[in-house]
Amino acid sequence: MVTMDDSRPFASFPATRHAGSYGLNFADGHAEFYKLREPESELAEGQVSASNPDWQRLKQVTTIR
């Protein structure tokens, strides 16, 4: 779950089973792989600030422009 209003960053934390990374599948059939860059992202278990760069990147790629 991605909350666009920053009320709950990483409300549903992405799985990081692949060396601190996660994949996203998109409706158009492509997939992308993202490496978490902030230690806070891997250790926080869903409790990160709205300014977290990993959260900002996830929000950017899951938002329609």
Protein backbone atom coordinates (compact mmCIF):
# COMPACT_ATOMS: atom_id res chain seq x y z
CA MET A 1 0.00 0.00 0.00
CA VAL A 2 1.32 3.44 -0.95
CA THR A 3 -0.22 6.47 0.77
CA MET A 4 0.29 9.48 -1.47
CA ASP A 5 -0.39 12.00 1.31
CA ASP A 6 2.62 10.80 3.39
CA SER A 7 0.34 9.90 6.30
CA ARG A 8 1.86 6.39 6.54
CA PRO A 9 5.12 6.05 4.58
CA PHE A 10 5.66 2.38 3.68
CA ALA A 11 2.29 1.43 5.20
CA SER A 12 2.86 -1.99 3.65
CA PHE A 13 6.62 -2.32 3.68
CA PRO A 14 8.11 -3.81 0.50
CA ALA A 15 9.73 -7.21 0.89
CA THR A 16 13.52 -7.00 0.90
CA ARG A 17 14.37 -10.66 0.43
CA HIS A 18 16.76 -9.86 -2.41
CA ALA A 19 19.72 -8.23 -0.63
CA GLY A 20 17.80 -5.16 0.52
CA SER A 21 15.93 -4.70 -2.75
CA TYR A 22 12.38 -5.12 -4.00
CA GLY A 23 10.66 -5.44 -7.34
CA LEU A 24 7.54 -3.78 -8.71
CA ASN A 25 5.37 -5.12 -11.51
CA PHE A 26 3.45 -2.54 -13.50
CA ALA A 27 0.14 -2.79 -15.35
CA ASP A 28 1.82 -2.29 -18.73
CA GLY A 29 3.77 -5.53 -18.22
CA HIS A 30 7.20 -4.18 -17.27
CA ALA A 31 8.94 -4.71 -13.96
CA GLU A 32 11.54 -2.64 -12.12
CA PHE A 33 13.94 -3.55 -9.33
CA TYR A 34 14.87 -1.05 -6.60
CA LYS A 35 17.68 -1.23 -4.05
CA LEU A 36 16.95 0.39 -0.69
CA ARG A 37 19.64 2.97 -0.07
CA GLU A 38 18.86 4.20 3.44
CA PRO A 39 19.62 1.96 6.45
CA GLU A 40 16.46 3.41 8.05
CA SER A 41 14.41 1.78 5.29
CA GLU A 42 15.65 -1.74 5.99
CA LEU A 43 15.58 -1.57 9.78
CA ALA A 44 12.48 0.49 10.45
CA GLU A 45 9.87 -2.21 9.76
CA GLY A 46 7.54 0.29 8.19
CA GLN A 47 8.30 3.27 10.44
CA VAL A 48 10.10 5.80 8.26
CA SER A 49 9.79 9.53 7.82
CA ALA A 50 7.96 11.05 4.87
CA SER A 51 11.27 12.56 3.70
CA ASN A 52 12.97 9.15 3.42
CA PRO A 53 14.57 8.94 -0.09
CA ASP A 54 13.46 5.31 -0.60
CA TRP A 55 9.88 6.28 0.23
CA GLN A 56 10.05 9.28 -2.10
CA ARG A 57 11.31 7.08 -4.96
CA LEU A 58 8.55 4.49 -4.42
CA LYS A 59 5.93 7.23 -4.32
CA GLN A 60 7.34 8.78 -7.51
CA VAL A 61 7.19 5.57 -9.56
CA THR A 62 3.70 4.63 -8.34
CA THR A 63 2.08 8.02 -8.98
CA ILE A 64 0.44 9.09 -12.21
CA ARG A 65 1.84 12.33 -13.56
